[in-house]
């Protein structure tokens, strides 16, 4: 009898492990689709808020119940529906926008870095001379834009 109970316990652990893998996979797929930085870390943080129920991945509230959100129906009335993984990730990224990839291409970032270096050198030269050089003023306009 104990051997049967032990085998049943092992099978239950294995099933829970597979359920966690499904949840983690769902989270990672959505996070990677959005290009979230540190997707693995974010998935680890969000994982306890999500569980597999049958063939559905369910977002949980603080009491362990399915979390609900309000949506408008065709007539404009609000209805409560279960929150999805996408909604949970939207909410998390809204509070943590630094985890989203920065706008602009690598080429633009390299250009910005090159401009910053040129400006720094021109500023140093201006300080040595005691007045702004024309090069520094041109670079300042490029860096900060025109005002007024």
Protein backbone atom coordinates (compact mmCIF):
# COMPACT_ATOMS: atom_id res chain seq x y z
CA UNK A 1 0.00 0.00 0.00
CA UNK A 2 2.81 2.46 0.88
CA UNK A 3 4.54 1.74 -2.44
CA UNK A 4 1.32 2.64 -4.27
CA UNK A 5 0.96 5.88 -2.26
CA UNK A 6 4.59 6.77 -2.95
CA UNK A 7 4.16 6.12 -6.66
CA UNK A 8 0.99 8.24 -6.68
CA UNK A 9 2.83 11.08 -4.90
CA UNK A 10 5.67 10.90 -7.43
CA UNK A 11 3.19 11.04 -10.31
CA UNK A 12 1.42 14.05 -8.73
CA UNK A 13 4.78 15.85 -8.35
CA UNK A 14 5.61 15.07 -11.96
CA UNK A 15 2.24 16.43 -13.11
CA UNK A 16 2.73 19.66 -11.09
CA UNK A 17 6.19 20.02 -12.60
CA UNK A 18 4.78 19.67 -16.12
CA UNK A 19 2.03 22.19 -15.29
CA UNK A 20 4.68 24.69 -14.12
CA UNK A 21 6.60 24.13 -17.36
CA UNK A 22 3.48 24.90 -19.42
CA UNK A 23 2.85 28.10 -17.43
CA UNK A 24 6.49 29.20 -17.68
CA UNK A 25 6.53 28.44 -21.40
CA UNK A 26 3.38 30.53 -21.95
CA UNK A 27 4.90 33.45 -20.01
CA UNK A 28 8.28 33.23 -21.76
CA UNK A 29 6.70 32.99 -25.21
CA UNK A 30 4.69 36.16 -24.63
CA UNK A 31 7.59 38.02 -23.00
CA UNK A 32 10.00 37.05 -25.80
CA UNK A 33 7.42 37.95 -28.47
CA UNK A 34 7.43 41.48 -27.02
CA UNK A 35 11.23 41.58 -26.75
CA UNK A 36 11.16 42.10 -22.98
CA UNK A 37 14.59 42.47 -21.40
CA UNK A 38 15.38 39.81 -18.77
CA UNK A 39 12.38 37.74 -19.89
CA UNK A 40 13.50 34.77 -17.79
CA UNK A 41 13.62 36.89 -14.63
CA UNK A 42 10.23 38.48 -15.36
CA UNK A 43 8.72 35.04 -16.01
CA UNK A 44 10.05 33.85 -12.64
CA UNK A 45 8.45 36.86 -10.96
CA UNK A 46 5.05 36.39 -12.67
CA UNK A 47 4.94 32.59 -12.50
CA UNK A 48 3.35 32.37 -9.00
CA UNK A 49 0.49 34.56 -10.28
CA UNK A 50 -0.47 32.05 -12.97
CA UNK A 51 -1.59 28.42 -12.92
CA UNK A 52 -2.75 25.76 -15.33
CA UNK A 53 -6.39 24.76 -14.90
CA UNK A 54 -7.27 21.93 -17.23
CA UNK A 55 -6.14 23.15 -20.64
CA UNK A 56 -6.30 26.86 -19.70
CA UNK A 57 -3.65 29.12 -18.22
CA UNK A 58 -5.34 31.22 -15.52
CA UNK A 59 -4.13 34.45 -13.88
CA UNK A 60 -4.77 34.46 -10.12
CA UNK A 61 -5.69 37.21 -7.68
CA UNK A 62 -4.17 37.52 -4.20
CA UNK A 63 -6.62 34.91 -2.83
CA UNK A 64 -5.80 32.34 -5.49
CA UNK A 65 -9.03 32.86 -7.45
CA UNK A 66 -9.13 33.63 -11.18
CA UNK A 67 -8.39 37.34 -11.61
CA UNK A 68 -11.05 39.35 -13.41
CA UNK A 69 -11.01 42.47 -15.55
CA UNK A 70 -13.80 44.72 -16.80
CA UNK A 71 -14.44 44.91 -20.55
CA UNK A 72 -17.20 46.60 -22.55
CA UNK A 73 -19.61 44.41 -24.45
CA UNK A 74 -21.20 45.30 -27.82
CA UNK A 75 -23.85 47.45 -26.09
CA UNK A 76 -21.24 49.41 -24.12
CA UNK A 77 -21.94 47.73 -20.77
CA UNK A 78 -19.11 46.42 -18.64
CA UNK A 79 -18.70 42.71 -18.09
CA UNK A 80 -16.22 40.92 -15.87
CA UNK A 81 -14.05 38.38 -17.69
CA UNK A 82 -11.01 36.40 -16.65
CA UNK A 83 -7.71 38.18 -17.12
CA UNK A 84 -5.30 36.51 -19.56
CA UNK A 85 -1.53 36.15 -19.44
CA UNK A 86 -1.27 38.92 -22.05
CA UNK A 87 -3.23 41.25 -19.73
CA UNK A 88 -0.98 40.40 -16.79
CA UNK A 89 2.12 41.12 -18.86
CA UNK A 90 0.60 44.39 -20.16
CA UNK A 91 -0.04 45.47 -16.57
CA UNK A 92 3.46 44.49 -15.44
CA UNK A 93 5.18 46.26 -18.35
CA UNK A 94 3.11 49.40 -17.86
CA UNK A 95 4.52 49.58 -14.32
CA UNK A 96 8.03 48.57 -15.50
CA UNK A 97 8.62 50.18 -18.93
CA UNK A 98 12.39 50.00 -18.45
CA UNK A 99 12.11 46.28 -19.27
CA UNK A 100 10.98 47.06 -22.81
CA UNK A 101 13.53 47.49 -25.59
CA UNK A 102 14.52 51.12 -26.12
CA UNK A 103 13.30 52.91 -29.24
CA UNK A 104 15.72 53.52 -32.07
CA UNK A 105 18.12 51.33 -33.93
CA UNK A 106 21.66 50.41 -32.97
CA UNK A 107 22.84 52.74 -35.73
CA UNK A 108 20.99 55.69 -34.11
CA UNK A 109 22.49 54.81 -30.74
CA UNK A 110 25.98 54.69 -32.24
CA UNK A 111 25.38 58.07 -33.90
CA UNK A 112 24.24 59.53 -30.57
CA UNK A 113 27.36 58.19 -28.86
CA UNK A 114 29.61 59.60 -31.58
CA UNK A 115 27.89 63.01 -31.33
CA UNK A 116 28.27 62.95 -27.55
CA UNK A 117 32.01 62.24 -27.88
CA UNK A 118 32.51 65.02 -30.45
CA UNK A 119 30.56 67.45 -28.28
CA UNK A 120 32.60 66.52 -25.18
CA UNK A 121 35.88 67.13 -27.04
CA UNK A 122 34.64 70.46 -28.45
CA UNK A 123 33.45 71.53 -24.99
CA UNK A 124 36.87 70.73 -23.50
CA UNK A 125 38.55 72.76 -26.24
CA UNK A 126 36.18 75.68 -25.55
CA UNK A 127 36.99 75.53 -21.83
CA UNK A 128 40.72 75.63 -22.61
CA UNK A 129 40.30 78.66 -24.89
CA UNK A 130 37.95 80.41 -22.48
CA UNK A 131 35.18 80.95 -25.03
CA UNK A 132 32.83 78.77 -27.09
CA UNK A 133 34.29 77.55 -30.36
CA UNK A 134 32.15 77.47 -33.49
CA UNK A 135 32.49 73.66 -33.57
CA UNK A 136 31.14 73.37 -30.04
CA UNK A 137 28.18 75.65 -30.89
CA UNK A 138 27.36 73.60 -34.02
CA UNK A 139 27.50 70.36 -32.04
CA UNK A 140 25.41 71.88 -29.25
CA UNK A 141 22.68 72.73 -31.76
CA UNK A 142 22.80 69.17 -33.16
CA UNK A 143 22.73 67.66 -29.68
CA UNK A 144 20.09 69.82 -28.01
CA UNK A 145 18.20 71.18 -31.00
CA UNK A 146 17.24 74.76 -31.60
CA UNK A 147 15.21 76.63 -29.05
CA UNK A 148 13.05 79.71 -29.50
